[in-house]
């Protein structure tokens, strides 16, 4: 048991730990109301897009592409349901949004990262799992659902930004 626990933390590449630190930083920052630029809103969807296609490249086929697309759409749909009542304040002149504090960002990050970590651990123990279509499609679905949720939330906030009245969010 202890040996497996040690393998879990010794196995991942070194870049995983700074990435987790950054994602946790972003998640904890989201606890408090904050002002973010439109550009920064797209960072998490880009990170989770990379997660979603990392194993897909080189193993792509029609069915896997459908799984990827369906999972993305499902994630977008879920995020619209979860975040539709979120109130934002828009500063259109400075391309800023004021978002309320929420635990959901950290929750999504932890779930997404944990799933990616879990599947990576299983693949590390038995690389042949990638040859099992059922396992591979579950893996793609888990990674892509997260991407879809971050993408959907970002586009929902962008839509709300475009429809909102503009308020100056830069203190003079």
Protein backbone atom coordinates (compact mmCIF):
# COMPACT_ATOMS: atom_id res chain seq x y z
CA UNK A 1 0.00 0.00 0.00
CA UNK A 2 2.75 2.46 0.98
CA UNK A 3 4.70 1.48 -2.13
CA UNK A 4 1.70 2.32 -4.36
CA UNK A 5 1.29 5.68 -2.59
CA UNK A 6 4.97 6.50 -3.18
CA UNK A 7 4.63 5.45 -6.87
CA UNK A 8 1.71 7.84 -7.28
CA UNK A 9 3.84 10.84 -6.35
CA UNK A 10 7.13 9.71 -7.92
CA UNK A 11 5.66 8.70 -11.27
CA UNK A 12 4.41 11.95 -12.82
CA UNK A 13 6.73 14.21 -14.81
CA UNK A 14 8.15 17.17 -12.87
CA UNK A 15 6.07 19.75 -14.79
CA UNK A 16 2.90 18.34 -13.17
CA UNK A 17 3.68 19.86 -9.76
CA UNK A 18 4.17 23.50 -10.86
CA UNK A 19 1.03 23.15 -13.00
CA UNK A 20 -0.95 21.86 -10.01
CA UNK A 21 0.43 24.71 -7.88
CA UNK A 22 -0.69 27.27 -10.48
CA UNK A 23 -4.14 25.67 -10.85
CA UNK A 24 -4.61 25.61 -7.06
CA UNK A 25 -3.54 29.26 -6.91
CA UNK A 26 -6.19 30.14 -9.52
CA UNK A 27 -8.80 28.04 -7.70
CA UNK A 28 -8.14 29.63 -4.30
CA UNK A 29 -8.09 33.12 -5.81
CA UNK A 30 -11.59 32.46 -7.15
CA UNK A 31 -12.95 32.19 -3.58
CA UNK A 32 -13.09 35.98 -3.38
CA UNK A 33 -14.82 38.41 -5.75
CA UNK A 34 -12.28 39.48 -8.32
CA UNK A 35 -11.75 41.55 -11.41
CA UNK A 36 -10.29 39.63 -14.35
CA UNK A 37 -9.40 40.60 -17.89
CA UNK A 38 -11.15 38.96 -20.81
CA UNK A 39 -7.80 37.50 -21.88
CA UNK A 40 -7.22 35.78 -18.51
CA UNK A 41 -10.64 34.14 -18.72
CA UNK A 42 -9.37 31.96 -21.55
CA UNK A 43 -6.33 30.53 -19.71
CA UNK A 44 -8.14 27.62 -18.00
CA UNK A 45 -9.99 26.51 -21.14
CA UNK A 46 -6.66 26.45 -23.01
CA UNK A 47 -4.97 24.40 -20.25
CA UNK A 48 -7.82 21.89 -20.17
CA UNK A 49 -8.00 21.79 -23.98
CA UNK A 50 -4.37 20.65 -23.96
CA UNK A 51 -5.27 18.02 -21.33
CA UNK A 52 -8.16 16.83 -23.50
CA UNK A 53 -6.15 16.32 -26.69
CA UNK A 54 -2.86 15.17 -25.17
CA UNK A 55 -3.55 11.44 -25.69
CA UNK A 56 -6.00 11.96 -28.53
CA UNK A 57 -3.23 12.95 -30.95
CA UNK A 58 -2.00 9.82 -32.68
CA UNK A 59 -4.99 7.73 -31.54
CA UNK A 60 -7.73 9.61 -33.34
CA UNK A 61 -10.50 7.80 -35.16
CA UNK A 62 -14.11 8.57 -35.97
CA UNK A 63 -15.61 7.14 -32.76
CA UNK A 64 -12.98 8.76 -30.52
CA UNK A 65 -13.63 12.08 -32.25
CA UNK A 66 -17.34 11.67 -31.52
CA UNK A 67 -16.58 10.90 -27.86
CA UNK A 68 -14.40 14.02 -27.68
CA UNK A 69 -17.05 16.22 -29.33
CA UNK A 70 -19.95 14.79 -27.28
CA UNK A 71 -18.00 15.22 -24.04
CA UNK A 72 -17.13 18.81 -24.93
CA UNK A 73 -20.77 19.60 -25.71
CA UNK A 74 -21.91 17.88 -22.50
CA UNK A 75 -19.37 19.91 -20.49
CA UNK A 76 -20.50 23.17 -22.10
CA UNK A 77 -24.13 22.29 -21.39
CA UNK A 78 -23.39 21.43 -17.74
CA UNK A 79 -21.47 24.64 -17.19
CA UNK A 80 -24.28 26.73 -18.64
CA UNK A 81 -26.67 25.07 -16.18
CA UNK A 82 -24.30 25.51 -13.23
CA UNK A 83 -23.13 29.07 -13.96
CA UNK A 84 -26.17 30.61 -15.66
CA UNK A 85 -27.23 32.52 -12.52
CA UNK A 86 -23.76 33.99 -11.94
CA UNK A 87 -23.92 37.77 -11.93
CA UNK A 88 -21.03 39.65 -13.50
CA UNK A 89 -20.16 43.32 -13.77
CA UNK A 90 -18.58 44.39 -17.05
CA UNK A 91 -16.10 47.14 -17.83
CA UNK A 92 -16.22 47.18 -21.61
CA UNK A 93 -13.77 50.07 -21.99
CA UNK A 94 -11.02 48.16 -20.16
CA UNK A 95 -12.17 44.61 -21.09
CA UNK A 96 -12.62 43.61 -17.45
CA UNK A 97 -15.20 41.53 -15.61
CA UNK A 98 -15.98 41.45 -11.93
CA UNK A 99 -16.85 37.92 -10.88
CA UNK A 100 -18.33 36.85 -7.56
CA UNK A 101 -16.36 34.58 -5.26
CA UNK A 102 -17.00 30.89 -5.85
CA UNK A 103 -15.70 27.52 -4.76
CA UNK A 104 -16.74 25.95 -8.06
CA UNK A 105 -13.52 26.88 -9.88
CA UNK A 106 -11.37 25.04 -7.34
CA UNK A 107 -13.83 22.14 -7.30
CA UNK A 108 -13.68 21.78 -11.10
CA UNK A 109 -9.90 22.08 -11.10
CA UNK A 110 -9.50 19.43 -8.41
CA UNK A 111 -11.92 17.01 -10.06
CA UNK A 112 -10.33 17.52 -13.48
CA UNK A 113 -6.77 17.26 -12.24
CA UNK A 114 -7.57 14.22 -10.08
CA UNK A 115 -9.17 12.39 -13.00
CA UNK A 116 -6.24 13.19 -15.27
CA UNK A 117 -3.82 12.14 -12.54
CA UNK A 118 -5.77 8.91 -11.85
CA UNK A 119 -5.87 7.90 -15.52
CA UNK A 120 -2.19 8.83 -15.89
CA UNK A 121 -1.34 6.63 -12.92
CA UNK A 122 -3.27 3.68 -14.38
CA UNK A 123 -1.61 4.16 -17.77
CA UNK A 124 1.79 4.43 -16.09
CA UNK A 125 1.22 1.10 -14.35
CA UNK A 126 -0.12 -0.60 -17.50
CA UNK A 127 0.47 1.26 -20.80
CA UNK A 128 -1.50 -1.47 -22.62
CA UNK A 129 -4.69 0.04 -21.19
CA UNK A 130 -4.47 2.59 -24.00
CA UNK A 131 -5.12 -0.26 -26.43
CA UNK A 132 -8.46 -1.00 -24.74
CA UNK A 133 -11.03 1.13 -26.63
CA UNK A 134 -13.41 1.22 -23.66
CA UNK A 135 -10.71 2.50 -21.28
CA UNK A 136 -9.35 4.95 -23.86
CA UNK A 137 -12.77 6.45 -24.54
CA UNK A 138 -13.51 6.82 -20.80
CA UNK A 139 -10.15 8.55 -20.45
CA UNK A 140 -10.89 10.93 -23.32
CA UNK A 141 -14.39 11.58 -21.96
CA UNK A 142 -13.10 12.46 -18.48
CA UNK A 143 -10.45 14.84 -19.81
CA UNK A 144 -12.77 16.45 -22.35
CA UNK A 145 -15.73 16.95 -20.03
CA UNK A 146 -13.53 19.24 -17.92
CA UNK A 147 -12.45 21.19 -20.98
CA UNK A 148 -16.08 21.59 -22.05
CA UNK A 149 -17.06 22.88 -18.62
CA UNK A 150 -14.31 25.52 -18.54
CA UNK A 151 -15.01 26.45 -22.16
CA UNK A 152 -18.75 26.76 -21.53
CA UNK A 153 -18.26 28.87 -18.43
CA UNK A 154 -15.86 31.17 -20.28
CA UNK A 155 -18.21 31.66 -23.24
CA UNK A 156 -21.17 32.17 -20.90
CA UNK A 157 -19.28 34.88 -19.02
CA UNK A 158 -18.20 36.44 -22.33
CA UNK A 159 -21.83 36.45 -23.50
CA UNK A 160 -22.91 38.09 -20.23
CA UNK A 161 -20.07 40.59 -20.59
CA UNK A 162 -21.31 41.60 -24.06
CA UNK A 163 -24.92 42.01 -22.84
CA UNK A 164 -24.13 43.86 -19.60
CA UNK A 165 -24.09 47.59 -18.98
CA UNK A 166 -20.56 48.93 -18.75
CA UNK A 167 -19.21 50.02 -15.36
CA UNK A 168 -15.74 51.42 -14.66
CA UNK A 169 -13.92 48.78 -12.59
CA UNK A 170 -10.59 50.63 -12.39
CA UNK A 171 -10.39 52.72 -9.25
CA UNK A 172 -9.10 56.19 -9.85
